[in-house]
Amino acid sequence: MCIGVSGESMAATTSLTADTDSPPTSSSARTSRRRRTVLGVTQHGLPSARTAMADEQAQAWARARVDALLKERAWPCTDGSPLTESLVGLLATLRALGHTEFASVLDRYADAAQQIAETDVRHVAALPNPEATVETAVIGTVIGDALLATLRRMAHADVSARLFERGEEINRPESG
């Protein structure tokens, strides 16, 4: 099961903060792994999108796309993880609503998500201690999700103005 970015259980985090607080030593790889575990457990505690599952055919269609995406990107989420199931549910819902064309740009969405994740994780990795990491990860994810939705809508306004008001050529984006 994918728990955030680390795959660790909640029980595995009970001794993390004391070890993660220690200054880097020859065991800095261990300290980095523990910091990653703290971040992963923090992310696991945050809500993910919930959708009512569509019919079995839509679920199978969505699962095939999610499995291909995860395999292609080597993202460490597995069947049954909350994030994987959320993505399957979202794609199955799109199919049930008759909007399978979104799957054609899934790679581009994943590319954008990867860039955002790089920024997020590198930002919290540079923080001085696990408490700051956890607090910033939670706040950054909760507020960051709303921030990204708002920025996306602002960008929609810009792109739609360029395409529809100024007459730029409309080309359907190609999948990554």
Protein backbone atom coordinates (compact mmCIF):
# COMPACT_ATOMS: atom_id res chain seq x y z
CA MET A 1 0.00 0.00 0.00
CA CYS A 2 1.27 3.49 -0.79
CA ILE A 3 1.32 5.67 2.29
CA GLY A 4 2.30 9.11 1.09
CA VAL A 5 5.78 8.85 -0.32
CA SER A 6 7.28 6.29 2.03
CA GLY A 7 5.14 3.16 2.23
CA GLU A 8 5.59 3.01 6.02
CA SER A 9 2.85 2.12 8.50
CA MET A 10 1.78 4.46 11.27
CA ALA A 11 3.38 2.13 13.82
CA ALA A 12 6.75 2.55 12.10
CA THR A 13 6.75 6.26 12.89
CA THR A 14 6.63 6.12 16.68
CA SER A 15 10.38 6.67 17.13
CA LEU A 16 10.96 8.90 14.15
CA THR A 17 11.02 12.39 15.55
CA ALA A 18 13.83 11.76 18.04
CA ASP A 19 16.01 10.09 15.40
CA THR A 20 15.18 12.62 12.71
CA ASP A 21 16.12 15.53 14.99
CA SER A 22 19.68 14.31 15.31
CA PRO A 23 22.30 16.17 13.29
CA PRO A 24 23.55 14.55 10.07
CA THR A 25 26.24 11.97 10.70
CA SER A 26 27.53 8.94 8.90
CA SER A 27 23.97 7.66 9.22
CA SER A 28 22.54 10.60 7.24
CA ALA A 29 20.95 8.13 4.82
CA ARG A 30 19.04 6.67 7.78
CA THR A 31 18.04 10.16 8.91
CA SER A 32 16.87 11.03 5.38
CA ARG A 33 14.83 7.82 5.22
CA ARG A 34 13.22 8.61 8.55
CA ARG A 35 12.40 12.16 7.41
CA ARG A 36 10.83 10.66 4.28
CA THR A 37 8.79 8.31 6.46
CA VAL A 38 7.53 11.20 8.59
CA LEU A 39 6.51 13.04 5.44
CA GLY A 40 4.82 9.93 4.05
CA VAL A 41 2.78 9.28 7.17
CA THR A 42 1.81 12.96 7.27
CA GLN A 43 0.59 12.81 3.67
CA HIS A 44 -1.29 9.58 4.36
CA GLY A 45 -3.32 11.33 7.04
CA LEU A 46 -4.60 13.95 4.62
CA PRO A 47 -7.86 13.38 2.76
CA SER A 48 -7.88 12.31 -0.87
CA ALA A 49 -10.66 12.67 -3.41
CA ARG A 50 -13.57 10.35 -2.84
CA THR A 51 -15.83 9.31 -5.67
CA ALA A 52 -18.75 6.96 -5.96
CA MET A 53 -17.47 4.07 -7.99
CA ALA A 54 -18.95 3.65 -11.41
CA ASP A 55 -19.87 0.31 -12.94
CA GLU A 56 -17.34 -2.53 -13.22
CA GLN A 57 -16.57 -1.77 -16.86
CA ALA A 58 -15.69 1.85 -16.05
CA GLN A 59 -13.61 0.71 -13.08
CA ALA A 60 -11.67 -1.79 -15.21
CA TRP A 61 -11.06 0.87 -17.87
CA ALA A 62 -9.83 3.32 -15.23
CA ARG A 63 -7.69 0.77 -13.41
CA ALA A 64 -5.92 -0.17 -16.66
CA ARG A 65 -5.04 3.50 -17.25
CA VAL A 66 -3.88 4.03 -13.68
CA ASP A 67 -1.79 0.84 -13.73
CA ALA A 68 -0.14 1.95 -16.98
CA LEU A 69 0.55 5.42 -15.59
CA LEU A 70 2.10 4.06 -12.39
CA LYS A 71 4.22 1.55 -14.29
CA GLU A 72 5.43 4.11 -16.84
CA ARG A 73 6.39 6.62 -14.15
CA ALA A 74 7.57 4.07 -11.58
CA TRP A 75 5.51 5.84 -8.94
CA PRO A 76 5.50 3.75 -5.74
CA CYS A 77 1.74 3.36 -5.27
CA THR A 78 0.06 -0.01 -5.46
CA ASP A 79 -3.44 -1.38 -5.86
CA GLY A 80 -5.49 -0.66 -2.79
CA SER A 81 -3.61 2.47 -1.74
CA PRO A 82 -5.88 5.44 -1.04
CA LEU A 83 -4.22 7.52 -3.76
CA THR A 84 -4.44 4.79 -6.38
CA GLU A 85 -8.07 4.08 -5.55
CA SER A 86 -8.86 7.79 -5.64
CA LEU A 87 -7.38 8.14 -9.13
CA VAL A 88 -9.20 5.00 -10.32
CA GLY A 89 -12.45 6.38 -8.93
CA LEU A 90 -11.97 9.75 -10.59
CA LEU A 91 -11.19 8.25 -14.00
CA ALA A 92 -14.07 5.75 -13.68
CA THR A 93 -16.38 8.67 -12.92
CA LEU A 94 -15.14 10.51 -16.00
CA ARG A 95 -15.89 7.43 -18.08
CA ALA A 96 -19.35 7.04 -16.52
CA LEU A 97 -20.04 10.68 -17.42
CA GLY A 98 -18.92 10.06 -21.00
CA HIS A 99 -15.71 12.10 -20.79
CA THR A 100 -13.01 9.56 -21.56
CA GLU A 101 -11.09 12.17 -23.57
CA PHE A 102 -9.56 13.35 -20.30
CA ALA A 103 -7.52 10.16 -20.31
CA SER A 104 -5.75 11.41 -23.44
CA VAL A 105 -4.15 14.22 -21.42
CA LEU A 106 -3.54 12.26 -18.22
CA ASP A 107 0.21 12.18 -18.92
CA ARG A 108 0.31 15.97 -19.18
CA TYR A 109 -1.54 16.28 -15.87
CA ALA A 110 0.92 13.81 -14.35
CA ASP A 111 3.85 15.84 -15.71
CA ALA A 112 2.47 18.97 -14.05
CA ALA A 113 1.84 17.07 -10.81
CA GLN A 114 5.41 15.75 -10.85
CA GLN A 115 6.81 19.28 -11.17
CA ILE A 116 4.64 20.49 -8.30
CA ALA A 117 5.63 17.51 -6.15
CA GLU A 118 9.33 18.20 -6.83
CA THR A 119 8.84 21.76 -5.59
CA ASP A 120 6.79 20.68 -2.54
CA VAL A 121 9.07 17.92 -1.34
CA ARG A 122 12.32 19.79 -1.98
CA HIS A 123 10.90 22.73 -0.02
CA VAL A 124 10.00 20.64 3.05
CA ALA A 125 13.20 18.57 2.80
CA ALA A 126 15.22 21.74 3.38
CA LEU A 127 13.43 22.52 6.65
CA PRO A 128 15.47 22.20 9.86
CA ASN A 129 13.49 19.58 11.82
CA PRO A 130 10.68 17.01 11.56
CA GLU A 131 8.15 19.24 13.31
CA ALA A 132 8.61 21.93 10.66
CA THR A 133 8.49 19.25 7.97
CA VAL A 134 5.18 17.86 9.20
CA GLU A 135 3.56 21.25 9.79
CA THR A 136 4.66 22.64 6.44
CA ALA A 137 3.68 19.45 4.59
CA VAL A 138 0.16 19.53 6.03
CA ILE A 139 -0.38 23.25 5.57
CA GLY A 140 1.32 23.20 2.19
CA THR A 141 -0.86 20.36 0.97
CA VAL A 142 -4.19 21.61 2.30
CA ILE A 143 -3.69 25.25 1.36
CA GLY A 144 -1.56 24.29 -1.63
CA ASP A 145 -4.39 22.23 -3.15
CA ALA A 146 -6.70 25.25 -2.93
CA LEU A 147 -3.93 27.51 -4.20
CA LEU A 148 -3.34 25.26 -7.21
CA ALA A 149 -7.06 25.12 -8.00
CA THR A 150 -7.20 28.91 -7.89
CA LEU A 151 -4.08 29.33 -10.03
CA ARG A 152 -5.48 26.80 -12.51
CA ARG A 153 -8.70 28.77 -12.84
CA MET A 154 -6.76 32.01 -13.31
CA ALA A 155 -4.72 30.31 -16.02
CA HIS A 156 -8.00 29.07 -17.59
CA ALA A 157 -9.15 32.70 -17.82
CA ASP A 158 -5.90 33.67 -19.55
CA VAL A 159 -5.91 30.76 -22.00
CA SER A 160 -9.60 31.11 -22.84
CA ALA A 161 -9.12 34.83 -23.51
CA ARG A 162 -6.23 34.08 -25.85
CA LEU A 163 -8.08 31.30 -27.66
CA PHE A 164 -11.59 32.64 -27.85
CA GLU A 165 -11.23 36.42 -27.72
CA ARG A 166 -7.95 36.94 -29.55
CA GLY A 167 -8.38 34.08 -31.98
CA GLU A 168 -5.25 32.06 -31.25
CA GLU A 169 -5.16 28.75 -33.06
CA ILE A 170 -6.82 25.99 -31.05
CA ASN A 171 -4.80 22.78 -30.99
CA ARG A 172 -5.75 19.89 -28.80
CA PRO A 173 -2.85 19.16 -26.42
CA GLU A 174 -1.06 15.92 -27.15
CA SER A 175 -0.57 13.36 -24.44
CA GLY A 176 2.97 13.27 -23.00
